[in-house]
């Protein structure tokens, strides 16, 4: 998300430039996904204020069933971008700087806002039942036909072997 703002830097303080965003993401979590929305750039005395309201989808993995799904994401941001000095001194904090050629790159800032706007618990749908803790097959915890936990000769999925060696019995209240 690079913008040539050289024309904006020649405008008076308070000048606004609206930009319609419709492009493809180039970094995770939206690599290859369409990003749409509005960005408004406002000139102020020391640089540019960049405001955005953007929508996209991020391909994520469900925390319960481990399947991939598309998570809609809406991100809003406001960033102040200072003009860079010809010989910038060491900055104490990370700041967005407009380079001397007049190009403003907001790709990394938007990527970080997207990550912050993802839900803490990623679920493909609210009713996702996940995978069976005994056999590792996706299915309803109360009603799936793949697990025969009542049989004496039940063999758990061998992928759980290392976890069962830790001695967790699965009983609650201990």
C-alpha atoms as a PDB file:
ATOM      1  CA  UNK A   1       0.000   0.000   0.000  1.00  0.00           C
ATOM      2  CA  UNK A   2       2.305   2.661  -1.287  1.00  0.00           C
ATOM      3  CA  UNK A   3       1.027   6.108  -2.153  1.00  0.00           C
ATOM      4  CA  UNK A   4       2.757   8.852  -4.107  1.00  0.00           C
ATOM      5  CA  UNK A   5       1.871  11.868  -1.987  1.00  0.00           C
ATOM      6  CA  UNK A   6       4.281  14.369  -3.527  1.00  0.00           C
ATOM      7  CA  UNK A   7       1.320  16.412  -4.832  1.00  0.00           C
ATOM      8  CA  UNK A   8      -0.293  16.364  -1.374  1.00  0.00           C
ATOM      9  CA  UNK A   9       2.874  17.763   0.222  1.00  0.00           C
ATOM     10  CA  UNK A  10       2.615  20.838  -2.020  1.00  0.00           C
ATOM     11  CA  UNK A  11      -0.941  21.569  -0.838  1.00  0.00           C
ATOM     12  CA  UNK A  12      -1.813  23.840   2.115  1.00  0.00           C
ATOM     13  CA  UNK A  13      -2.311  22.483   5.628  1.00  0.00           C
ATOM     14  CA  UNK A  14      -5.753  20.900   5.976  1.00  0.00           C
ATOM     15  CA  UNK A  15      -6.007  19.661   2.382  1.00  0.00           C
ATOM     16  CA  UNK A  16      -7.613  16.201   2.169  1.00  0.00           C
ATOM     17  CA  UNK A  17      -7.203  13.516  -0.444  1.00  0.00           C
ATOM     18  CA  UNK A  18      -9.586  10.553  -0.519  1.00  0.00           C
ATOM     19  CA  UNK A  19      -8.269   7.298  -1.937  1.00  0.00           C
ATOM     20  CA  UNK A  20     -10.419   4.302  -2.802  1.00  0.00           C
ATOM     21  CA  UNK A  21      -8.539   1.109  -1.886  1.00  0.00           C
ATOM     22  CA  UNK A  22      -9.026  -2.016  -3.993  1.00  0.00           C
ATOM     23  CA  UNK A  23      -5.908  -4.155  -4.142  1.00  0.00           C
ATOM     24  CA  UNK A  24      -4.520  -7.583  -3.324  1.00  0.00           C
ATOM     25  CA  UNK A  25      -2.648  -8.190  -0.059  1.00  0.00           C
ATOM     26  CA  UNK A  26       1.000  -9.154  -0.364  1.00  0.00           C
ATOM     27  CA  UNK A  27       1.786 -10.209   3.244  1.00  0.00           C
ATOM     28  CA  UNK A  28       0.287 -12.570   5.801  1.00  0.00           C
ATOM     29  CA  UNK A  29      -2.441 -12.795   7.074  1.00  0.00           C
ATOM     30  CA  UNK A  30      -4.059 -11.443   3.880  1.00  0.00           C
ATOM     31  CA  UNK A  31      -1.620 -12.623   1.233  1.00  0.00           C
ATOM     32  CA  UNK A  32      -3.518 -12.944  -2.041  1.00  0.00           C
ATOM     33  CA  UNK A  33      -6.797 -11.627  -0.582  1.00  0.00           C
ATOM     34  CA  UNK A  34      -8.701  -8.587  -1.868  1.00  0.00           C
ATOM     35  CA  UNK A  35      -8.467  -5.492   0.378  1.00  0.00           C
ATOM     36  CA  UNK A  36     -11.174  -2.876  -0.107  1.00  0.00           C
ATOM     37  CA  UNK A  37     -12.163   0.329   1.596  1.00  0.00           C
ATOM     38  CA  UNK A  38     -11.336   4.004   1.901  1.00  0.00           C
ATOM     39  CA  UNK A  39      -8.207   5.866   2.917  1.00  0.00           C
ATOM     40  CA  UNK A  40      -8.145   9.592   3.602  1.00  0.00           C
ATOM     41  CA  UNK A  41      -4.865  11.494   3.664  1.00  0.00           C
ATOM     42  CA  UNK A  42      -4.813  14.936   5.304  1.00  0.00           C
ATOM     43  CA  UNK A  43      -1.923  17.381   5.050  1.00  0.00           C
ATOM     44  CA  UNK A  44      -0.733  18.875   8.339  1.00  0.00           C
ATOM     45  CA  UNK A  45       2.243  21.097   9.114  1.00  0.00           C
ATOM     46  CA  UNK A  46       4.737  18.297   9.826  1.00  0.00           C
ATOM     47  CA  UNK A  47       3.500  15.657   7.399  1.00  0.00           C
ATOM     48  CA  UNK A  48       0.364  13.638   6.607  1.00  0.00           C
ATOM     49  CA  UNK A  49      -2.404  12.077   8.674  1.00  0.00           C
ATOM     50  CA  UNK A  50      -3.513   8.774   7.115  1.00  0.00           C
ATOM     51  CA  UNK A  51      -6.943   7.459   8.134  1.00  0.00           C
ATOM     52  CA  UNK A  52      -8.328   4.173   6.820  1.00  0.00           C
ATOM     53  CA  UNK A  53     -11.393   1.960   6.974  1.00  0.00           C
ATOM     54  CA  UNK A  54     -10.558  -1.280   5.208  1.00  0.00           C
ATOM     55  CA  UNK A  55     -12.250  -4.665   4.827  1.00  0.00           C
ATOM     56  CA  UNK A  56     -10.767  -7.987   3.797  1.00  0.00           C
ATOM     57  CA  UNK A  57     -10.709 -11.692   4.619  1.00  0.00           C
ATOM     58  CA  UNK A  58      -7.831 -13.551   6.234  1.00  0.00           C
ATOM     59  CA  UNK A  59      -7.314 -17.278   5.745  1.00  0.00           C
ATOM     60  CA  UNK A  60      -7.051 -18.705   9.272  1.00  0.00           C
ATOM     61  CA  UNK A  61      -7.037 -22.075  11.051  1.00  0.00           C
ATOM     62  CA  UNK A  62      -9.929 -22.914  13.374  1.00  0.00           C
ATOM     63  CA  UNK A  63      -8.792 -23.341  16.988  1.00  0.00           C
ATOM     64  CA  UNK A  64     -11.178 -26.284  17.518  1.00  0.00           C
ATOM     65  CA  UNK A  65     -11.173 -28.368  14.350  1.00  0.00           C
ATOM     66  CA  UNK A  66      -7.905 -27.204  12.731  1.00  0.00           C
ATOM     67  CA  UNK A  67      -9.600 -26.595   9.367  1.00  0.00           C
ATOM     68  CA  UNK A  68      -8.803 -23.502   7.323  1.00  0.00           C
ATOM     69  CA  UNK A  69     -11.518 -20.897   6.814  1.00  0.00           C
ATOM     70  CA  UNK A  70     -11.926 -17.279   5.725  1.00  0.00           C
ATOM     71  CA  UNK A  71     -12.220 -14.809   8.610  1.00  0.00           C
ATOM     72  CA  UNK A  72     -13.740 -11.422   7.672  1.00  0.00           C
ATOM     73  CA  UNK A  73     -11.656  -8.577   9.101  1.00  0.00           C
ATOM     74  CA  UNK A  74     -12.444  -4.895   9.377  1.00  0.00           C
ATOM     75  CA  UNK A  75      -9.621  -2.573  10.363  1.00  0.00           C
ATOM     76  CA  UNK A  76      -9.706   1.125  11.118  1.00  0.00           C
ATOM     77  CA  UNK A  77      -6.557   3.119  11.686  1.00  0.00           C
ATOM     78  CA  UNK A  78      -5.231   6.630  12.043  1.00  0.00           C
ATOM     79  CA  UNK A  79      -1.517   7.215  11.593  1.00  0.00           C
ATOM     80  CA  UNK A  80       0.521  10.406  11.698  1.00  0.00           C
ATOM     81  CA  UNK A  81       3.351  10.333   9.173  1.00  0.00           C
ATOM     82  CA  UNK A  82       6.125  12.890   9.554  1.00  0.00           C
ATOM     83  CA  UNK A  83       8.250  14.237   6.761  1.00  0.00           C
ATOM     84  CA  UNK A  84      11.755  12.822   6.926  1.00  0.00           C
ATOM     85  CA  UNK A  85      14.753  15.101   7.324  1.00  0.00           C
ATOM     86  CA  UNK A  86      17.455  14.957   4.652  1.00  0.00           C
ATOM     87  CA  UNK A  87      19.785  13.442   7.290  1.00  0.00           C
ATOM     88  CA  UNK A  88      17.483  11.839   9.888  1.00  0.00           C
ATOM     89  CA  UNK A  89      18.938  11.492  13.357  1.00  0.00           C
ATOM     90  CA  UNK A  90      18.530   8.294  15.333  1.00  0.00           C
ATOM     91  CA  UNK A  91      14.865   8.103  16.336  1.00  0.00           C
ATOM     92  CA  UNK A  92      13.974   7.071  19.859  1.00  0.00           C
ATOM     93  CA  UNK A  93      10.699   5.521  18.765  1.00  0.00           C
ATOM     94  CA  UNK A  94       9.443   3.938  15.591  1.00  0.00           C
ATOM     95  CA  UNK A  95       7.692   6.523  13.457  1.00  0.00           C
ATOM     96  CA  UNK A  96       6.177   6.513  10.005  1.00  0.00           C
ATOM     97  CA  UNK A  97       8.191   8.787   7.814  1.00  0.00           C
ATOM     98  CA  UNK A  98       7.395  10.086   4.381  1.00  0.00           C
ATOM     99  CA  UNK A  99      10.545   9.568   2.344  1.00  0.00           C
ATOM    100  CA  UNK A 100      12.101  12.483   0.482  1.00  0.00           C
ATOM    101  CA  UNK A 101      10.728  11.213  -2.849  1.00  0.00           C
ATOM    102  CA  UNK A 102       7.170  11.640  -1.546  1.00  0.00           C
ATOM    103  CA  UNK A 103       6.181   7.965  -1.238  1.00  0.00           C
ATOM    104  CA  UNK A 104       4.259   6.787   1.801  1.00  0.00           C
ATOM    105  CA  UNK A 105       4.258   3.026   2.488  1.00  0.00           C
ATOM    106  CA  UNK A 106       1.406   1.933   4.781  1.00  0.00           C
ATOM    107  CA  UNK A 107       1.511  -1.807   4.013  1.00  0.00           C
ATOM    108  CA  UNK A 108       3.135  -2.929   7.273  1.00  0.00           C
ATOM    109  CA  UNK A 109       0.957  -0.620   9.368  1.00  0.00           C
ATOM    110  CA  UNK A 110      -2.196  -2.036   7.800  1.00  0.00           C
ATOM    111  CA  UNK A 111      -0.948  -5.621   8.260  1.00  0.00           C
ATOM    112  CA  UNK A 112      -0.437  -4.973  11.981  1.00  0.00           C
ATOM    113  CA  UNK A 113      -3.899  -3.417  12.338  1.00  0.00           C
ATOM    114  CA  UNK A 114      -5.394  -6.488  10.654  1.00  0.00           C
ATOM    115  CA  UNK A 115      -3.656  -8.838  13.074  1.00  0.00           C
ATOM    116  CA  UNK A 116      -4.856  -6.772  16.035  1.00  0.00           C
ATOM    117  CA  UNK A 117      -8.444  -6.910  14.730  1.00  0.00           C
ATOM    118  CA  UNK A 118      -8.547 -10.703  14.412  1.00  0.00           C
ATOM    119  CA  UNK A 119     -10.600 -12.371  17.148  1.00  0.00           C
ATOM    120  CA  UNK A 120      -8.663 -13.961  20.021  1.00  0.00           C
ATOM    121  CA  UNK A 121     -10.468 -17.280  19.497  1.00  0.00           C
ATOM    122  CA  UNK A 122     -10.557 -18.186  15.808  1.00  0.00           C
ATOM    123  CA  UNK A 123     -13.578 -20.397  15.052  1.00  0.00           C
ATOM    124  CA  UNK A 124     -14.815 -21.432  11.619  1.00  0.00           C
ATOM    125  CA  UNK A 125     -18.334 -21.076  13.057  1.00  0.00           C
ATOM    126  CA  UNK A 126     -19.697 -20.634  16.607  1.00  0.00           C
ATOM    127  CA  UNK A 127     -21.141 -24.168  16.635  1.00  0.00           C
ATOM    128  CA  UNK A 128     -17.867 -25.852  15.628  1.00  0.00           C
ATOM    129  CA  UNK A 129     -17.512 -29.016  17.728  1.00  0.00           C
ATOM    130  CA  UNK A 130     -13.853 -29.591  16.961  1.00  0.00           C
ATOM    131  CA  UNK A 131     -12.106 -32.939  16.929  1.00  0.00           C
ATOM    132  CA  UNK A 132     -12.645 -35.934  19.204  1.00  0.00           C
ATOM    133  CA  UNK A 133      -9.993 -36.046  21.949  1.00  0.00           C
ATOM    134  CA  UNK A 134      -9.963 -39.859  21.738  1.00  0.00           C
ATOM    135  CA  UNK A 135      -9.643 -40.596  18.044  1.00  0.00           C
ATOM    136  CA  UNK A 136      -8.763 -37.226  16.518  1.00  0.00           C
ATOM    137  CA  UNK A 137     -11.620 -37.264  13.982  1.00  0.00           C
ATOM    138  CA  UNK A 138     -13.802 -34.201  13.439  1.00  0.00           C
ATOM    139  CA  UNK A 139     -17.317 -34.829  14.646  1.00  0.00           C
ATOM    140  CA  UNK A 140     -20.042 -34.137  17.153  1.00  0.00           C
ATOM    141  CA  UNK A 141     -18.720 -34.911  20.638  1.00  0.00           C
ATOM    142  CA  UNK A 142     -21.926 -36.698  21.584  1.00  0.00           C
ATOM    143  CA  UNK A 143     -22.822 -38.373  18.360  1.00  0.00           C
ATOM    144  CA  UNK A 144     -19.998 -39.353  16.034  1.00  0.00           C
ATOM    145  CA  UNK A 145     -19.546 -42.884  14.727  1.00  0.00           C
ATOM    146  CA  UNK A 146     -15.756 -42.957  14.480  1.00  0.00           C
ATOM    147  CA  UNK A 147     -14.828 -43.380  18.130  1.00  0.00           C
ATOM    148  CA  UNK A 148     -15.554 -46.574  20.053  1.00  0.00           C
ATOM    149  CA  UNK A 149     -14.507 -45.426  23.506  1.00  0.00           C
ATOM    150  CA  UNK A 150     -16.770 -47.999  25.168  1.00  0.00           C
ATOM    151  CA  UNK A 151     -14.877 -50.956  23.658  1.00  0.00           C
ATOM    152  CA  UNK A 152     -12.121 -52.543  25.751  1.00  0.00           C
ATOM    153  CA  UNK A 153      -9.861 -52.979  22.744  1.00  0.00           C
ATOM    154  CA  UNK A 154     -10.179 -49.318  21.710  1.00  0.00           C
ATOM    155  CA  UNK A 155      -6.941 -48.019  20.250  1.00  0.00           C
ATOM    156  CA  UNK A 156      -6.439 -44.278  20.414  1.00  0.00           C
ATOM    157  CA  UNK A 157      -5.034 -42.440  17.459  1.00  0.00           C
ATOM    158  CA  UNK A 158      -1.243 -42.944  17.602  1.00  0.00           C
ATOM    159  CA  UNK A 159      -0.702 -39.214  17.109  1.00  0.00           C
ATOM    160  CA  UNK A 160      -1.915 -38.690  20.711  1.00  0.00           C
ATOM    161  CA  UNK A 161       0.742 -41.084  22.070  1.00  0.00           C
ATOM    162  CA  UNK A 162       3.098 -38.396  23.357  1.00  0.00           C
ATOM    163  CA  UNK A 163       0.313 -36.571  25.173  1.00  0.00           C
ATOM    164  CA  UNK A 164      -1.069 -39.685  26.833  1.00  0.00           C
ATOM    165  CA  UNK A 165       2.440 -40.476  28.097  1.00  0.00           C
ATOM    166  CA  UNK A 166       2.197 -37.337  30.228  1.00  0.00           C
ATOM    167  CA  UNK A 167      -0.420 -39.059  32.372  1.00  0.00           C
ATOM    168  CA  UNK A 168      -3.397 -36.809  31.723  1.00  0.00           C
ATOM    169  CA  UNK A 169      -6.494 -38.910  32.316  1.00  0.00           C
ATOM    170  CA  UNK A 170      -9.013 -36.376  31.083  1.00  0.00           C
ATOM    171  CA  UNK A 171     -10.957 -36.425  34.356  1.00  0.00           C
ATOM    172  CA  UNK A 172     -12.030 -33.114  35.796  1.00  0.00           C
ATOM    173  CA  UNK A 173     -12.142 -32.115  39.413  1.00  0.00           C
ATOM    174  CA  UNK A 174      -8.766 -33.574  40.424  1.00  0.00           C
END
